[in-house]
Amino acid sequence: MKSIASITSVLLFATLSTLVLAQNVEVKDAWARSSVPGQRATGAFMKLIAKEDIRLIAASSRAAGVVEVHEMKMEGDVMKMRALPGGLELPAGKTVELKPGGFHVMLMDLKAPLAKDSTIALTLIFKDSKGIEKRMEVMVPVALAAPGGGVMTDHTQRKM
């Protein structure tokens, strides 16, 4: 029975986090990569769809001491990761995917390992074209891999 209850709670959290509607932004398929003891950082991923032009400027979580909006991109033959100081532009009506190897929310200085099948609260902070900040809290399920597929390790995806 414990296993069924655990599966039910995971499915409930996954359903709640799969589609979160805010005034101006829709969040779909949110998840965070699980971590192991001693691991100090991990990523959170999702799809964002804005109703109007808006920017994801920051994020926060009690699960981590530092949370930043990051990008990974190739510079020559080297994959580089960096924080986006101005945030991430979300054009109206377009899906912007935060995924391993691309844009993502970086959770650093983890307070404790993120256990598979748990959830974390993640606050997304947006700024609209008028300069007004808007916050949205999303309950994000923790998993080894993205919903529906491969194992994620160090910002890369491998199919098993």
C-alpha atoms as a PDB file:
ATOM      1  CA  MET A   1       0.000   0.000   0.000  1.00  0.00           C
ATOM      2  CA  LYS A   2       2.858   2.405   0.753  1.00  0.00           C
ATOM      3  CA  SER A   3       4.031   2.026  -2.831  1.00  0.00           C
ATOM      4  CA  ILE A   4       0.572   2.849  -4.226  1.00  0.00           C
ATOM      5  CA  ALA A   5       0.283   5.900  -1.939  1.00  0.00           C
ATOM      6  CA  SER A   6       3.729   7.063  -3.036  1.00  0.00           C
ATOM      7  CA  ILE A   7       2.883   6.647  -6.715  1.00  0.00           C
ATOM      8  CA  THR A   8      -0.451   8.432  -6.210  1.00  0.00           C
ATOM      9  CA  SER A   9       1.204  11.409  -4.502  1.00  0.00           C
ATOM     10  CA  VAL A  10       3.862  11.648  -7.221  1.00  0.00           C
ATOM     11  CA  LEU A  11       1.197  11.576  -9.929  1.00  0.00           C
ATOM     12  CA  LEU A  12      -0.824  14.235  -8.099  1.00  0.00           C
ATOM     13  CA  PHE A  13       2.203  16.536  -7.801  1.00  0.00           C
ATOM     14  CA  ALA A  14       3.165  15.879 -11.417  1.00  0.00           C
ATOM     15  CA  THR A  15      -0.354  16.745 -12.534  1.00  0.00           C
ATOM     16  CA  LEU A  16      -0.387  19.922 -10.452  1.00  0.00           C
ATOM     17  CA  SER A  17       2.988  21.028 -11.760  1.00  0.00           C
ATOM     18  CA  THR A  18       2.383  20.004 -15.365  1.00  0.00           C
ATOM     19  CA  LEU A  19       0.099  22.942 -16.033  1.00  0.00           C
ATOM     20  CA  VAL A  20       0.193  26.031 -13.842  1.00  0.00           C
ATOM     21  CA  LEU A  21      -1.671  29.078 -15.033  1.00  0.00           C
ATOM     22  CA  ALA A  22      -0.696  32.554 -13.894  1.00  0.00           C
ATOM     23  CA  GLN A  23      -1.975  35.890 -15.092  1.00  0.00           C
ATOM     24  CA  ASN A  24       0.527  36.084 -17.930  1.00  0.00           C
ATOM     25  CA  VAL A  25       2.585  32.885 -18.024  1.00  0.00           C
ATOM     26  CA  GLU A  26       1.727  29.212 -18.399  1.00  0.00           C
ATOM     27  CA  VAL A  27       4.191  26.652 -17.034  1.00  0.00           C
ATOM     28  CA  LYS A  28       4.115  23.117 -18.458  1.00  0.00           C
ATOM     29  CA  ASP A  29       6.054  19.905 -17.803  1.00  0.00           C
ATOM     30  CA  ALA A  30       8.153  21.311 -14.949  1.00  0.00           C
ATOM     31  CA  TRP A  31      10.697  18.984 -13.311  1.00  0.00           C
ATOM     32  CA  ALA A  32      13.976  19.163 -11.419  1.00  0.00           C
ATOM     33  CA  ARG A  33      16.810  16.661 -11.704  1.00  0.00           C
ATOM     34  CA  SER A  34      17.405  14.616  -8.549  1.00  0.00           C
ATOM     35  CA  SER A  35      20.757  14.878  -6.791  1.00  0.00           C
ATOM     36  CA  VAL A  36      22.931  12.698  -4.581  1.00  0.00           C
ATOM     37  CA  PRO A  37      24.536  13.416  -1.194  1.00  0.00           C
ATOM     38  CA  GLY A  38      27.417  15.852  -1.651  1.00  0.00           C
ATOM     39  CA  GLN A  39      26.116  17.196  -4.965  1.00  0.00           C
ATOM     40  CA  ARG A  40      25.870  20.978  -4.644  1.00  0.00           C
ATOM     41  CA  ALA A  41      23.879  21.875  -7.766  1.00  0.00           C
ATOM     42  CA  THR A  42      21.188  20.660 -10.135  1.00  0.00           C
ATOM     43  CA  GLY A  43      18.778  22.071 -12.687  1.00  0.00           C
ATOM     44  CA  ALA A  44      15.058  22.686 -13.063  1.00  0.00           C
ATOM     45  CA  PHE A  45      13.391  22.556 -16.461  1.00  0.00           C
ATOM     46  CA  MET A  46       9.995  23.443 -17.938  1.00  0.00           C
ATOM     47  CA  LYS A  47       8.134  24.999 -20.842  1.00  0.00           C
ATOM     48  CA  LEU A  48       7.017  28.622 -20.482  1.00  0.00           C
ATOM     49  CA  ILE A  49       4.320  30.237 -22.609  1.00  0.00           C
ATOM     50  CA  ALA A  50       3.658  33.950 -22.075  1.00  0.00           C
ATOM     51  CA  LYS A  51       0.420  35.674 -23.030  1.00  0.00           C
ATOM     52  CA  GLU A  52       2.344  38.929 -23.528  1.00  0.00           C
ATOM     53  CA  ASP A  53       6.015  39.806 -23.893  1.00  0.00           C
ATOM     54  CA  ILE A  54       7.596  39.252 -20.501  1.00  0.00           C
ATOM     55  CA  ARG A  55      11.007  38.278 -19.119  1.00  0.00           C
ATOM     56  CA  LEU A  56      11.956  35.589 -16.589  1.00  0.00           C
ATOM     57  CA  ILE A  57      14.416  37.600 -14.528  1.00  0.00           C
ATOM     58  CA  ALA A  58      15.063  35.390 -11.495  1.00  0.00           C
ATOM     59  CA  ALA A  59      13.949  32.424  -9.428  1.00  0.00           C
ATOM     60  CA  SER A  60      14.234  31.296  -5.827  1.00  0.00           C
ATOM     61  CA  SER A  61      13.715  28.155  -3.787  1.00  0.00           C
ATOM     62  CA  ARG A  62      14.142  27.155  -0.165  1.00  0.00           C
ATOM     63  CA  ALA A  63      15.865  24.023  -1.519  1.00  0.00           C
ATOM     64  CA  ALA A  64      18.916  26.030  -2.661  1.00  0.00           C
ATOM     65  CA  GLY A  65      21.004  28.932  -1.409  1.00  0.00           C
ATOM     66  CA  VAL A  66      21.457  30.345  -4.914  1.00  0.00           C
ATOM     67  CA  VAL A  67      19.043  30.083  -7.844  1.00  0.00           C
ATOM     68  CA  GLU A  68      19.813  31.598 -11.255  1.00  0.00           C
ATOM     69  CA  VAL A  69      18.381  31.604 -14.754  1.00  0.00           C
ATOM     70  CA  HIS A  70      21.121  30.057 -16.937  1.00  0.00           C
ATOM     71  CA  GLU A  71      21.938  29.205 -20.499  1.00  0.00           C
ATOM     72  CA  MET A  72      24.285  26.662 -21.978  1.00  0.00           C
ATOM     73  CA  LYS A  73      25.679  27.150 -25.453  1.00  0.00           C
ATOM     74  CA  MET A  74      28.571  26.119 -27.601  1.00  0.00           C
ATOM     75  CA  GLU A  75      31.396  28.619 -28.004  1.00  0.00           C
ATOM     76  CA  GLY A  76      33.707  27.073 -30.544  1.00  0.00           C
ATOM     77  CA  ASP A  77      34.276  23.523 -29.336  1.00  0.00           C
ATOM     78  CA  VAL A  78      33.452  24.305 -25.711  1.00  0.00           C
ATOM     79  CA  MET A  79      30.046  24.084 -24.022  1.00  0.00           C
ATOM     80  CA  LYS A  80      29.722  27.042 -21.638  1.00  0.00           C
ATOM     81  CA  MET A  81      27.149  27.744 -18.959  1.00  0.00           C
ATOM     82  CA  ARG A  82      26.414  31.192 -17.605  1.00  0.00           C
ATOM     83  CA  ALA A  83      23.762  33.146 -15.750  1.00  0.00           C
ATOM     84  CA  LEU A  84      21.581  35.426 -17.863  1.00  0.00           C
ATOM     85  CA  PRO A  85      22.022  38.785 -16.107  1.00  0.00           C
ATOM     86  CA  GLY A  86      19.104  40.391 -17.952  1.00  0.00           C
ATOM     87  CA  GLY A  87      16.889  37.319 -17.672  1.00  0.00           C
ATOM     88  CA  LEU A  88      15.249  35.231 -20.359  1.00  0.00           C
ATOM     89  CA  GLU A  89      12.950  36.828 -22.904  1.00  0.00           C
ATOM     90  CA  LEU A  90       9.539  35.158 -23.309  1.00  0.00           C
ATOM     91  CA  PRO A  91       7.893  36.404 -26.512  1.00  0.00           C
ATOM     92  CA  ALA A  92       4.090  36.447 -26.430  1.00  0.00           C
ATOM     93  CA  GLY A  93       2.480  33.210 -27.588  1.00  0.00           C
ATOM     94  CA  LYS A  94       5.745  31.321 -28.119  1.00  0.00           C
ATOM     95  CA  THR A  95       6.863  28.322 -26.095  1.00  0.00           C
ATOM     96  CA  VAL A  96      10.291  28.802 -24.524  1.00  0.00           C
ATOM     97  CA  GLU A  97      11.697  25.498 -23.347  1.00  0.00           C
ATOM     98  CA  LEU A  98      14.060  25.302 -20.406  1.00  0.00           C
ATOM     99  CA  LYS A  99      15.892  22.006 -20.911  1.00  0.00           C
ATOM    100  CA  PRO A 100      19.207  20.302 -20.227  1.00  0.00           C
ATOM    101  CA  GLY A 101      21.865  21.692 -22.539  1.00  0.00           C
ATOM    102  CA  GLY A 102      19.976  24.967 -23.055  1.00  0.00           C
ATOM    103  CA  PHE A 103      18.141  27.481 -20.918  1.00  0.00           C
ATOM    104  CA  HIS A 104      17.410  26.230 -17.391  1.00  0.00           C
ATOM    105  CA  VAL A 105      16.987  27.262 -13.770  1.00  0.00           C
ATOM    106  CA  MET A 106      20.183  26.420 -11.888  1.00  0.00           C
ATOM    107  CA  LEU A 107      19.802  25.427  -8.230  1.00  0.00           C
ATOM    108  CA  MET A 108      23.142  25.849  -6.431  1.00  0.00           C
ATOM    109  CA  ASP A 109      24.263  25.460  -2.838  1.00  0.00           C
ATOM    110  CA  LEU A 110      21.616  22.771  -2.306  1.00  0.00           C
ATOM    111  CA  LYS A 111      20.412  22.598   1.302  1.00  0.00           C
ATOM    112  CA  ALA A 112      19.907  18.815   1.010  1.00  0.00           C
ATOM    113  CA  PRO A 113      19.882  16.274  -1.810  1.00  0.00           C
ATOM    114  CA  LEU A 114      16.800  16.437  -4.035  1.00  0.00           C
ATOM    115  CA  ALA A 115      15.287  12.987  -3.757  1.00  0.00           C
ATOM    116  CA  LYS A 116      13.602  11.307  -6.707  1.00  0.00           C
ATOM    117  CA  ASP A 117       9.798  11.392  -6.374  1.00  0.00           C
ATOM    118  CA  SER A 118       9.852  14.407  -4.014  1.00  0.00           C
ATOM    119  CA  THR A 119       8.837  17.959  -4.929  1.00  0.00           C
ATOM    120  CA  ILE A 120      10.325  21.399  -4.421  1.00  0.00           C
ATOM    121  CA  ALA A 121       8.699  24.804  -4.424  1.00  0.00           C
ATOM    122  CA  LEU A 122      10.221  27.116  -7.028  1.00  0.00           C
ATOM    123  CA  THR A 123       9.310  30.795  -7.242  1.00  0.00           C
ATOM    124  CA  LEU A 124       9.645  32.259 -10.739  1.00  0.00           C
ATOM    125  CA  ILE A 125      10.058  36.034 -10.961  1.00  0.00           C
ATOM    126  CA  PHE A 126       9.005  37.809 -14.139  1.00  0.00           C
ATOM    127  CA  LYS A 127       9.161  41.437 -15.267  1.00  0.00           C
ATOM    128  CA  ASP A 128       6.635  42.736 -17.776  1.00  0.00           C
ATOM    129  CA  SER A 129       7.157  45.448 -20.390  1.00  0.00           C
ATOM    130  CA  LYS A 130       6.067  48.115 -17.862  1.00  0.00           C
ATOM    131  CA  GLY A 131       8.769  47.014 -15.426  1.00  0.00           C
ATOM    132  CA  ILE A 132       6.321  45.390 -13.005  1.00  0.00           C
ATOM    133  CA  GLU A 133       7.571  42.244 -11.270  1.00  0.00           C
ATOM    134  CA  LYS A 134       5.247  39.255 -10.984  1.00  0.00           C
ATOM    135  CA  ARG A 135       5.913  36.104  -8.970  1.00  0.00           C
ATOM    136  CA  MET A 136       4.615  32.597  -9.474  1.00  0.00           C
ATOM    137  CA  GLU A 137       5.205  29.604  -7.219  1.00  0.00           C
ATOM    138  CA  VAL A 138       5.409  26.240  -8.957  1.00  0.00           C
ATOM    139  CA  MET A 139       5.560  22.869  -7.215  1.00  0.00           C
ATOM    140  CA  VAL A 140       8.183  21.000  -9.209  1.00  0.00           C
ATOM    141  CA  PRO A 141       8.485  17.196  -9.124  1.00  0.00           C
ATOM    142  CA  VAL A 142      11.994  15.795  -8.755  1.00  0.00           C
ATOM    143  CA  ALA A 143      12.976  13.023 -11.161  1.00  0.00           C
ATOM    144  CA  LEU A 144      16.009  11.255 -12.608  1.00  0.00           C
ATOM    145  CA  ALA A 145      14.948  12.198 -16.113  1.00  0.00           C
ATOM    146  CA  ALA A 146      12.548  14.372 -18.057  1.00  0.00           C
ATOM    147  CA  PRO A 147       8.993  13.091 -18.232  1.00  0.00           C
ATOM    148  CA  GLY A 148       8.868  10.471 -20.964  1.00  0.00           C
ATOM    149  CA  GLY A 149      12.531   9.819 -21.502  1.00  0.00           C
ATOM    150  CA  GLY A 150      16.248   9.493 -21.034  1.00  0.00           C
ATOM    151  CA  VAL A 151      18.545   9.798 -18.095  1.00  0.00           C
ATOM    152  CA  MET A 152      19.976  13.259 -17.470  1.00  0.00           C
ATOM    153  CA  THR A 153      23.511  13.747 -16.198  1.00  0.00           C
ATOM    154  CA  ASP A 154      25.541  16.951 -16.054  1.00  0.00           C
ATOM    155  CA  HIS A 155      23.340  18.861 -18.493  1.00  0.00           C
ATOM    156  CA  THR A 156      23.343  16.121 -21.124  1.00  0.00           C
ATOM    157  CA  GLN A 157      20.755  13.596 -22.139  1.00  0.00           C
ATOM    158  CA  ARG A 158      21.402   9.940 -22.765  1.00  0.00           C
ATOM    159  CA  LYS A 159      18.842   7.406 -23.871  1.00  0.00           C
ATOM    160  CA  MET A 160      18.900   4.121 -22.019  1.00  0.00           C
END
